[in-house]
PDB file of N, CA and C in Angstrom:
ATOM      1  N   MET A   1       0.845  -1.164   0.000  1.00  0.00           N
ATOM      2  CA  MET A   1       0.000   0.000   0.000  1.00  0.00           C
ATOM      3  C   MET A   1       0.897   1.237   0.000  1.00  0.00           C
ATOM      4  N   ASN A   2       0.603   2.162  -0.895  1.00  0.00           N
ATOM      5  CA  ASN A   2       1.447   3.347  -0.991  1.00  0.00           C
ATOM      6  C   ASN A   2       0.948   4.461  -0.062  1.00  0.00           C
ATOM      7  N   ILE A   3       1.728   5.542   0.032  1.00  0.00           N
ATOM      8  CA  ILE A   3       1.449   6.603   0.995  1.00  0.00           C
ATOM      9  C   ILE A   3       0.149   7.340   0.669  1.00  0.00           C
ATOM     10  N   SER A   4      -0.159   7.514  -0.608  1.00  0.00           N
ATOM     11  CA  SER A   4      -1.404   8.214  -0.958  1.00  0.00           C
ATOM     12  C   SER A   4      -2.626   7.410  -0.528  1.00  0.00           C
ATOM     13  N   THR A   5      -2.551   6.106  -0.577  1.00  0.00           N
ATOM     14  CA  THR A   5      -3.651   5.257  -0.117  1.00  0.00           C
ATOM     15  C   THR A   5      -3.815   5.371   1.391  1.00  0.00           C
ATOM     16  N   LEU A   6      -2.705   5.390   2.110  1.00  0.00           N
ATOM     17  CA  LEU A   6      -2.765   5.550   3.565  1.00  0.00           C
ATOM     18  C   LEU A   6      -3.358   6.899   3.949  1.00  0.00           C
ATOM     19  N   ILE A   7      -2.950   7.958   3.259  1.00  0.00           N
ATOM     20  CA  ILE A   7      -3.468   9.291   3.565  1.00  0.00           C
ATOM     21  C   ILE A   7      -4.963   9.362   3.258  1.00  0.00           C
ATOM     22  N   PHE A   8      -5.383   8.801   2.139  1.00  0.00           N
ATOM     23  CA  PHE A   8      -6.802   8.805   1.791  1.00  0.00           C
ATOM     24  C   PHE A   8      -7.618   8.033   2.826  1.00  0.00           C
ATOM     25  N   GLY A   9      -7.128   6.881   3.249  1.00  0.00           N
ATOM     26  CA  GLY A   9      -7.815   6.105   4.280  1.00  0.00           C
ATOM     27  C   GLY A   9      -7.879   6.856   5.595  1.00  0.00           C
ATOM     28  N   TRP A  10      -6.820   7.558   5.941  1.00  0.00           N
ATOM     29  CA  TRP A  10      -6.768   8.346   7.169  1.00  0.00           C
ATOM     30  C   TRP A  10      -7.799   9.479   7.117  1.00  0.00           C
ATOM     31  N   ILE A  11      -7.920  10.129   5.958  1.00  0.00           N
ATOM     32  CA  ILE A  11      -8.889  11.217   5.803  1.00  0.00           C
ATOM     33  C   ILE A  11     -10.322  10.679   5.895  1.00  0.00           C
ATOM     34  N   VAL A  12     -10.595   9.570   5.228  1.00  0.00           N
ATOM     35  CA  VAL A  12     -11.940   8.987   5.275  1.00  0.00           C
ATOM     36  C   VAL A  12     -12.285   8.568   6.703  1.00  0.00           C
ATOM     37  N   ALA A  13     -11.343   7.948   7.399  1.00  0.00           N
ATOM     38  CA  ALA A  13     -11.592   7.521   8.773  1.00  0.00           C
ATOM     39  C   ALA A  13     -11.827   8.728   9.683  1.00  0.00           C
ATOM     40  N   THR A  14     -11.103   9.812   9.475  1.00  0.00           N
ATOM     41  CA  THR A  14     -11.303  11.021  10.264  1.00  0.00           C
ATOM     42  C   THR A  14     -12.688  11.598  10.016  1.00  0.00           C
ATOM     43  N   LEU A  15     -13.109  11.609   8.758  1.00  0.00           N
ATOM     44  CA  LEU A  15     -14.445  12.117   8.440  1.00  0.00           C
ATOM     45  C   LEU A  15     -15.541  11.244   9.056  1.00  0.00           C
ATOM     46  N   VAL A  16     -15.372   9.946   9.043  1.00  0.00           N
ATOM     47  CA  VAL A  16     -16.360   9.052   9.654  1.00  0.00           C
ATOM     48  C   VAL A  16     -16.440   9.323  11.159  1.00  0.00           C
ATOM     49  N   GLY A  17     -15.302   9.480  11.810  1.00  0.00           N
ATOM     50  CA  GLY A  17     -15.291   9.780  13.244  1.00  0.00           C
ATOM     51  C   GLY A  17     -15.921  11.123  13.557  1.00  0.00           C
ATOM     52  N   ALA A  18     -15.650  12.136  12.734  1.00  0.00           N
ATOM     53  CA  ALA A  18     -16.227  13.462  12.954  1.00  0.00           C
ATOM     54  C   ALA A  18     -17.740  13.443  12.729  1.00  0.00           C
ATOM     55  N   LEU A  19     -18.204  12.737  11.703  1.00  0.00           N
ATOM     56  CA  LEU A  19     -19.641  12.637  11.462  1.00  0.00           C
ATOM     57  C   LEU A  19     -20.345  11.890  12.589  1.00  0.00           C
ATOM     58  N   TYR A  20     -19.701  10.868  13.116  1.00  0.00           N
ATOM     59  CA  TYR A  20     -20.274  10.144  14.256  1.00  0.00           C
ATOM     60  C   TYR A  20     -20.383  11.068  15.460  1.00  0.00           C
ATOM     61  N   HIS A  21     -19.370  11.899  15.664  1.00  0.00           N
ATOM     62  CA  HIS A  21     -19.404  12.843  16.777  1.00  0.00           C
ATOM     63  C   HIS A  21     -20.537  13.848  16.599  1.00  0.00           C
ATOM     64  N   LEU A  22     -20.761  14.316  15.374  1.00  0.00           N
ATOM     65  CA  LEU A  22     -21.871  15.233  15.136  1.00  0.00           C
ATOM     66  C   LEU A  22     -23.208  14.570  15.448  1.00  0.00           C
ATOM     67  N   TRP A  23     -23.308  13.276  15.177  1.00  0.00           N
ATOM     68  CA  TRP A  23     -24.538  12.556  15.434  1.00  0.00           C
ATOM     69  C   TRP A  23     -24.749  12.323  16.932  1.00  0.00           C
ATOM     70  N   LYS A  24     -23.712  11.887  17.629  1.00  0.00           N
ATOM     71  CA  LYS A  24     -23.839  11.519  19.042  1.00  0.00           C
ATOM     72  C   LYS A  24     -23.463  12.643  20.008  1.00  0.00           C
ATOM     73  N   ASP A  25     -22.641  13.580  19.589  1.00  0.00           N
ATOM     74  CA  ASP A  25     -22.168  14.688  20.409  1.00  0.00           C
ATOM     75  C   ASP A  25     -21.373  14.175  21.613  1.00  0.00           C
ATOM     76  N   GLY A  26     -20.873  15.073  22.434  1.00  0.00           N
ATOM     77  CA  GLY A  26     -20.152  14.623  23.602  1.00  0.00           C
ATOM     78  C   GLY A  26     -18.966  15.477  23.990  1.00  0.00           C
ATOM     79  N   GLY A  27     -18.725  16.583  23.347  1.00  0.00           N
ATOM     80  CA  GLY A  27     -17.641  17.455  23.753  1.00  0.00           C
ATOM     81  C   GLY A  27     -16.343  17.143  23.024  1.00  0.00           C
ATOM     82  N   PHE A  28     -15.333  17.948  23.359  1.00  0.00           N
ATOM     83  CA  PHE A  28     -14.053  17.863  22.656  1.00  0.00           C
ATOM     84  C   PHE A  28     -13.358  16.526  22.863  1.00  0.00           C
ATOM     85  N   TRP A  29     -13.322  16.027  24.093  1.00  0.00           N
ATOM     86  CA  TRP A  29     -12.570  14.792  24.354  1.00  0.00           C
ATOM     87  C   TRP A  29     -13.232  13.582  23.711  1.00  0.00           C
ATOM     88  N   MET A  30     -14.550  13.604  23.615  1.00  0.00           N
ATOM     89  CA  MET A  30     -15.212  12.511  22.907  1.00  0.00           C
ATOM     90  C   MET A  30     -14.927  12.587  21.411  1.00  0.00           C
ATOM     91  N   LEU A  31     -14.762  13.791  20.872  1.00  0.00           N
ATOM     92  CA  LEU A  31     -14.361  13.923  19.471  1.00  0.00           C
ATOM     93  C   LEU A  31     -13.010  13.265  19.247  1.00  0.00           C
ATOM     94  N   VAL A  32     -12.070  13.504  20.143  1.00  0.00           N
ATOM     95  CA  VAL A  32     -10.737  12.894  20.037  1.00  0.00           C
ATOM     96  C   VAL A  32     -10.847  11.378  20.126  1.00  0.00           C
ATOM     97  N   VAL A  33     -11.646  10.887  21.065  1.00  0.00           N
ATOM     98  CA  VAL A  33     -11.826   9.434  21.227  1.00  0.00           C
ATOM     99  C   VAL A  33     -12.468   8.842  19.977  1.00  0.00           C
ATOM    100  N   TYR A  34     -13.493   9.504  19.440  1.00  0.00           N
ATOM    101  CA  TYR A  34     -14.176   8.985  18.259  1.00  0.00           C
ATOM    102  C   TYR A  34     -13.259   8.953  17.039  1.00  0.00           C
ATOM    103  N   ILE A  35     -12.439   9.970  16.870  1.00  0.00           N
ATOM    104  CA  ILE A  35     -11.539   9.983  15.711  1.00  0.00           C
ATOM    105  C   ILE A  35     -10.486   8.896  15.825  1.00  0.00           C
ATOM    106  N   ILE A  36      -9.909   8.731  17.005  1.00  0.00           N
ATOM    107  CA  ILE A  36      -8.898   7.676  17.188  1.00  0.00           C
ATOM    108  C   ILE A  36      -9.540   6.295  17.021  1.00  0.00           C
ATOM    109  N   ALA A  37     -10.736   6.111  17.580  1.00  0.00           N
ATOM    110  CA  ALA A  37     -11.440   4.838  17.415  1.00  0.00           C
ATOM    111  C   ALA A  37     -11.761   4.584  15.949  1.00  0.00           C
ATOM    112  N   SER A  38     -12.120   5.632  15.225  1.00  0.00           N
ATOM    113  CA  SER A  38     -12.427   5.491  13.808  1.00  0.00           C
ATOM    114  C   SER A  38     -11.192   5.090  13.017  1.00  0.00           C
ATOM    115  N   TRP A  39     -10.045   5.669  13.335  1.00  0.00           N
ATOM    116  CA  TRP A  39      -8.794   5.287  12.658  1.00  0.00           C
ATOM    117  C   TRP A  39      -8.498   3.804  12.879  1.00  0.00           C
ATOM    118  N   ILE A  40      -8.585   3.381  14.135  1.00  0.00           N
ATOM    119  CA  ILE A  40      -8.289   1.985  14.464  1.00  0.00           C
ATOM    120  C   ILE A  40      -9.267   1.048  13.760  1.00  0.00           C
ATOM    121  N   GLY A  41     -10.548   1.361  13.846  1.00  0.00           N
ATOM    122  CA  GLY A  41     -11.563   0.520  13.217  1.00  0.00           C
ATOM    123  C   GLY A  41     -11.453   0.476  11.710  1.00  0.00           C
ATOM    124  N   PHE A  42     -11.131   1.618  11.098  1.00  0.00           N
ATOM    125  CA  PHE A  42     -11.024   1.668   9.642  1.00  0.00           C
ATOM    126  C   PHE A  42      -9.898   0.769   9.150  1.00  0.00           C
ATOM    127  N   PHE A  43      -8.744   0.881   9.762  1.00  0.00           N
ATOM    128  CA  PHE A  43      -7.626   0.079   9.265  1.00  0.00           C
ATOM    129  C   PHE A  43      -7.735  -1.383   9.664  1.00  0.00           C
ATOM    130  N   LEU A  44      -8.383  -1.691  10.788  1.00  0.00           N
ATOM    131  CA  LEU A  44      -8.660  -3.100  11.096  1.00  0.00           C
ATOM    132  C   LEU A  44      -9.671  -3.678  10.112  1.00  0.00           C
ATOM    133  N   GLY A  45     -10.695  -2.901   9.770  1.00  0.00           N
ATOM    134  CA  GLY A  45     -11.670  -3.349   8.778  1.00  0.00           C
ATOM    135  C   GLY A  45     -11.052  -3.517   7.404  1.00  0.00           C
ATOM    136  N   HIS A  46     -10.155  -2.594   7.046  1.00  0.00           N
ATOM    137  CA  HIS A  46      -9.442  -2.701   5.768  1.00  0.00           C
ATOM    138  C   HIS A  46      -8.602  -3.980   5.725  1.00  0.00           C
ATOM    139  N   LEU A  47      -7.878  -4.237   6.801  1.00  0.00           N
ATOM    140  CA  LEU A  47      -7.037  -5.445   6.847  1.00  0.00           C
ATOM    141  C   LEU A  47      -7.884  -6.709   6.801  1.00  0.00           C
ATOM    142  N   ALA A  48      -9.008  -6.722   7.526  1.00  0.00           N
ATOM    143  CA  ALA A  48      -9.877  -7.899   7.520  1.00  0.00           C
ATOM    144  C   ALA A  48     -10.459  -8.137   6.125  1.00  0.00           C
ATOM    145  N   ALA A  49     -10.899  -7.065   5.471  1.00  0.00           N
ATOM    146  CA  ALA A  49     -11.458  -7.214   4.129  1.00  0.00           C
ATOM    147  C   ALA A  49     -10.387  -7.668   3.139  1.00  0.00           C
ATOM    148  N   SER A  50      -9.167  -7.188   3.308  1.00  0.00           N
ATOM    149  CA  SER A  50      -8.071  -7.614   2.428  1.00  0.00           C
ATOM    150  C   SER A  50      -7.762  -9.086   2.615  1.00  0.00           C
ATOM    151  N   LYS A  51      -7.716  -9.537   3.881  1.00  0.00           N
ATOM    152  CA  LYS A  51      -7.406 -10.944   4.156  1.00  0.00           C
ATOM    153  C   LYS A  51      -8.519 -11.871   3.675  1.00  0.00           C
ATOM    154  N   LEU A  52      -9.765 -11.402   3.753  1.00  0.00           N
ATOM    155  CA  LEU A  52     -10.895 -12.223   3.318  1.00  0.00           C
ATOM    156  C   LEU A  52     -11.136 -12.144   1.817  1.00  0.00           C
ATOM    157  N   GLY A  53     -10.452 -11.231   1.146  1.00  0.00           N
ATOM    158  CA  GLY A  53     -10.588 -11.099  -0.296  1.00  0.00           C
ATOM    159  C   GLY A  53     -11.856 -10.389  -0.747  1.00  0.00           C
ATOM    160  N   LEU A  54     -12.433  -9.564   0.120  1.00  0.00           N
ATOM    161  CA  LEU A  54     -13.645  -8.824  -0.231  1.00  0.00           C
ATOM    162  C   LEU A  54     -13.273  -7.606  -1.065  1.00  0.00           C
ATOM    163  N   ASP A  55     -14.069  -7.322  -2.079  1.00  0.00           N
ATOM    164  CA  ASP A  55     -13.816  -6.163  -2.934  1.00  0.00           C
ATOM    165  C   ASP A  55     -14.979  -5.179  -2.887  1.00  0.00           C
ATOM    166  N   PHE A  56     -15.620  -5.050  -1.751  1.00  0.00           N
ATOM    167  CA  PHE A  56     -16.750  -4.146  -1.601  1.00  0.00           C
ATOM    168  C   PHE A  56     -16.239  -2.716  -1.456  1.00  0.00           C
ATOM    169  N   LEU A  57     -16.583  -1.856  -2.386  1.00  0.00           N
ATOM    170  CA  LEU A  57     -16.154  -0.456  -2.427  1.00  0.00           C
ATOM    171  C   LEU A  57     -14.635  -0.307  -2.400  1.00  0.00           C
ATOM    172  N   ALA A  58     -13.946  -1.133  -3.143  1.00  0.00           N
ATOM    173  CA  ALA A  58     -12.490  -1.040  -3.210  1.00  0.00           C
ATOM    174  C   ALA A  58     -12.104   0.175  -4.053  1.00  0.00           C
ATOM    175  N   VAL A  59     -11.168   0.958  -3.526  1.00  0.00           N
ATOM    176  CA  VAL A  59     -10.626   2.114  -4.243  1.00  0.00           C
ATOM    177  C   VAL A  59      -9.125   1.870  -4.354  1.00  0.00           C
ATOM    178  N   GLY A  60      -8.703   1.353  -5.482  1.00  0.00           N
ATOM    179  CA  GLY A  60      -7.305   0.975  -5.636  1.00  0.00           C
ATOM    180  C   GLY A  60      -6.991  -0.167  -4.689  1.00  0.00           C
ATOM    181  N   GLN A  61      -5.992   0.031  -3.846  1.00  0.00           N
ATOM    182  CA  GLN A  61      -5.618  -0.988  -2.871  1.00  0.00           C
ATOM    183  C   GLN A  61      -6.392  -0.865  -1.564  1.00  0.00           C
ATOM    184  N   LEU A  62      -7.144   0.212  -1.409  1.00  0.00           N
ATOM    185  CA  LEU A  62      -7.869   0.471  -0.171  1.00  0.00           C
ATOM    186  C   LEU A  62      -9.243  -0.196  -0.202  1.00  0.00           C
ATOM    187  N   GLN A  63      -9.535  -0.981   0.795  1.00  0.00           N
ATOM    188  CA  GLN A  63     -10.835  -1.641   0.938  1.00  0.00           C
ATOM    189  C   GLN A  63     -11.761  -0.732   1.742  1.00  0.00           C
ATOM    190  N   MET A  64     -12.429   0.202   1.027  1.00  0.00           N
ATOM    191  CA  MET A  64     -13.267   1.202   1.682  1.00  0.00           C
ATOM    192  C   MET A  64     -14.455   0.576   2.408  1.00  0.00           C
ATOM    193  N   GLY A  65     -15.097  -0.401   1.802  1.00  0.00           N
ATOM    194  CA  GLY A  65     -16.273  -1.015   2.421  1.00  0.00           C
ATOM    195  C   GLY A  65     -15.948  -1.634   3.768  1.00  0.00           C
ATOM    196  N   GLY A  66     -14.917  -2.452   3.793  1.00  0.00           N
ATOM    197  CA  GLY A  66     -14.497  -3.079   5.048  1.00  0.00           C
ATOM    198  C   GLY A  66     -14.017  -2.058   6.059  1.00  0.00           C
ATOM    199  N   GLY A  67     -13.332  -1.035   5.575  1.00  0.00           N
ATOM    200  CA  GLY A  67     -12.838   0.006   6.465  1.00  0.00           C
ATOM    201  C   GLY A  67     -13.953   0.791   7.117  1.00  0.00           C
ATOM    202  N   ILE A  68     -14.960   1.150   6.335  1.00  0.00           N
ATOM    203  CA  ILE A  68     -16.073   1.923   6.890  1.00  0.00           C
ATOM    204  C   ILE A  68     -16.887   1.080   7.865  1.00  0.00           C
ATOM    205  N   VAL A  69     -17.118  -0.174   7.525  1.00  0.00           N
ATOM    206  CA  VAL A  69     -17.843  -1.066   8.440  1.00  0.00           C
ATOM    207  C   VAL A  69     -17.055  -1.252   9.737  1.00  0.00           C
ATOM    208  N   GLY A  70     -15.754  -1.476   9.636  1.00  0.00           N
ATOM    209  CA  GLY A  70     -14.924  -1.618  10.830  1.00  0.00           C
ATOM    210  C   GLY A  70     -14.912  -0.351  11.665  1.00  0.00           C
ATOM    211  N   SER A  71     -14.854   0.786  10.999  1.00  0.00           N
ATOM    212  CA  SER A  71     -14.857   2.064  11.699  1.00  0.00           C
ATOM    213  C   SER A  71     -16.153   2.265  12.470  1.00  0.00           C
ATOM    214  N   ILE A  72     -17.280   1.984  11.837  1.00  0.00           N
ATOM    215  CA  ILE A  72     -18.570   2.162  12.496  1.00  0.00           C
ATOM    216  C   ILE A  72     -18.724   1.205  13.678  1.00  0.00           C
ATOM    217  N   LEU A  73     -18.286  -0.029  13.521  1.00  0.00           N
ATOM    218  CA  LEU A  73     -18.377  -0.990  14.626  1.00  0.00           C
ATOM    219  C   LEU A  73     -17.544  -0.544  15.831  1.00  0.00           C
ATOM    220  N   ILE A  74     -16.327  -0.097  15.584  1.00  0.00           N
ATOM    221  CA  ILE A  74     -15.471   0.347  16.678  1.00  0.00           C
ATOM    222  C   ILE A  74     -15.998   1.642  17.289  1.00  0.00           C
ATOM    223  N   LEU A  75     -16.612   2.514  16.478  1.00  0.00           N
ATOM    224  CA  LEU A  75     -17.206   3.741  17.016  1.00  0.00           C
ATOM    225  C   LEU A  75     -18.372   3.421  17.947  1.00  0.00           C
ATOM    226  N   PHE A  76     -19.225   2.469  17.566  1.00  0.00           N
ATOM    227  CA  PHE A  76     -20.317   2.069  18.457  1.00  0.00           C
ATOM    228  C   PHE A  76     -19.758   1.484  19.756  1.00  0.00           C
ATOM    229  N   LEU A  77     -18.696   0.701  19.660  1.00  0.00           N
ATOM    230  CA  LEU A  77     -18.063   0.142  20.851  1.00  0.00           C
ATOM    231  C   LEU A  77     -17.494   1.245  21.736  1.00  0.00           C
ATOM    232  N   ALA A  78     -16.819   2.220  21.149  1.00  0.00           N
ATOM    233  CA  ALA A  78     -16.256   3.332  21.922  1.00  0.00           C
ATOM    234  C   ALA A  78     -17.360   4.146  22.585  1.00  0.00           C
ATOM    235  N   HIS A  79     -18.449   4.370  21.864  1.00  0.00           N
ATOM    236  CA  HIS A  79     -19.575   5.115  22.440  1.00  0.00           C
ATOM    237  C   HIS A  79     -20.179   4.359  23.619  1.00  0.00           C
ATOM    238  N   TRP A  80     -20.361   3.055  23.437  1.00  0.00           N
ATOM    239  CA  TRP A  80     -20.928   2.233  24.500  1.00  0.00           C
ATOM    240  C   TRP A  80     -20.020   2.217  25.728  1.00  0.00           C
ATOM    241  N   LEU A  81     -18.717   2.063  25.517  1.00  0.00           N
ATOM    242  CA  LEU A  81     -17.782   2.068  26.643  1.00  0.00           C
ATOM    243  C   LEU A  81     -17.764   3.424  27.340  1.00  0.00           C
ATOM    244  N   GLY A  82     -17.924   4.502  26.584  1.00  0.00           N
ATOM    245  CA  GLY A  82     -18.008   5.826  27.189  1.00  0.00           C
ATOM    246  C   GLY A  82     -19.252   5.979  28.038  1.00  0.00           C
ATOM    247  N   LYS A  83     -20.361   5.402  27.621  1.00  0.00           N
ATOM    248  CA  LYS A  83     -21.592   5.454  28.411  1.00  0.00           C
ATOM    249  C   LYS A  83     -21.488   4.611  29.670  1.00  0.00           C
ATOM    250  N   VAL A  84     -20.825   3.463  29.599  1.00  0.00           N
ATOM    251  CA  VAL A  84     -20.642   2.617  30.762  1.00  0.00           C
ATOM    252  C   VAL A  84     -19.843   3.367  31.811  1.00  0.00           C
ATOM    253  N   ASN A  85     -18.810   4.077  31.397  1.00  0.00           N
ATOM    254  CA  ASN A  85     -17.983   4.829  32.324  1.00  0.00           C
ATOM    255  C   ASN A  85     -18.769   5.960  32.961  1.00  0.00           C
ATOM    256  N   GLN A  86     -19.603   6.661  32.202  1.00  0.00           N
ATOM    257  CA  GLN A  86     -20.393   7.768  32.741  1.00  0.00           C
ATOM    258  C   GLN A  86     -21.454   7.286  33.696  1.00  0.00           C
ATOM    259  N   SER A  87     -22.095   6.160  33.404  1.00  0.00           N
ATOM    260  CA  SER A  87     -23.159   5.669  34.277  1.00  0.00           C
ATOM    261  C   SER A  87     -22.593   5.163  35.605  1.00  0.00           C
ATOM    262  N   SER A  88     -21.377   4.634  35.611  1.00  0.00           N
ATOM    263  CA  SER A  88     -20.800   4.183  36.872  1.00  0.00           C
ATOM    264  C   SER A  88     -20.406   5.363  37.750  1.00  0.00           C
ATOM    265  N   LYS A  89     -20.049   6.498  37.147  1.00  0.00           N
ATOM    266  CA  LYS A  89     -19.730   7.690  37.930  1.00  0.00           C
ATOM    267  C   LYS A  89     -20.982   8.291  38.552  1.00  0.00           C
ATOM    268  N   SER A  90     -22.100   8.241  37.835  1.00  0.00           N
ATOM    269  CA  SER A  90     -23.336   8.827  38.353  1.00  0.00           C
ATOM    270  C   SER A  90     -23.947   7.986  39.479  1.00  0.00           C
ATOM    271  N   ASN A  91     -23.646   6.699  39.513  1.00  0.00           N
ATOM    272  CA  ASN A  91     -24.164   5.831  40.562  1.00  0.00           C
ATOM    273  C   ASN A  91     -23.402   5.979  41.865  1.00  0.00           C
ATOM    274  N   SER A  92     -22.215   6.542  41.825  1.00  0.00           N
ATOM    275  CA  SER A  92     -21.385   6.659  43.037  1.00  0.00           C
ATOM    276  C   SER A  92     -21.853   7.778  43.921  1.00  0.00           C
TER     277      SER A  92
END
């Protein structure tokens, strides 16, 4: 994978994380968490789609379909873990 593919994937993952933040909201630190989670999920999804040989929304060497699905799954997980942490603080 060349550098332009990595940069494009990084930009798409950042946009997915920012859009998720606009949907769920949560302040500046949650924006940082969502973007980092989106990066991790996007590249894990890309790697999984590459290993499985899926060509859903492939853009050159980048597996966009797998990356976006992985990003969304990890974003939901990060959001859920953030809610678990907040609810335990409110119960104390």
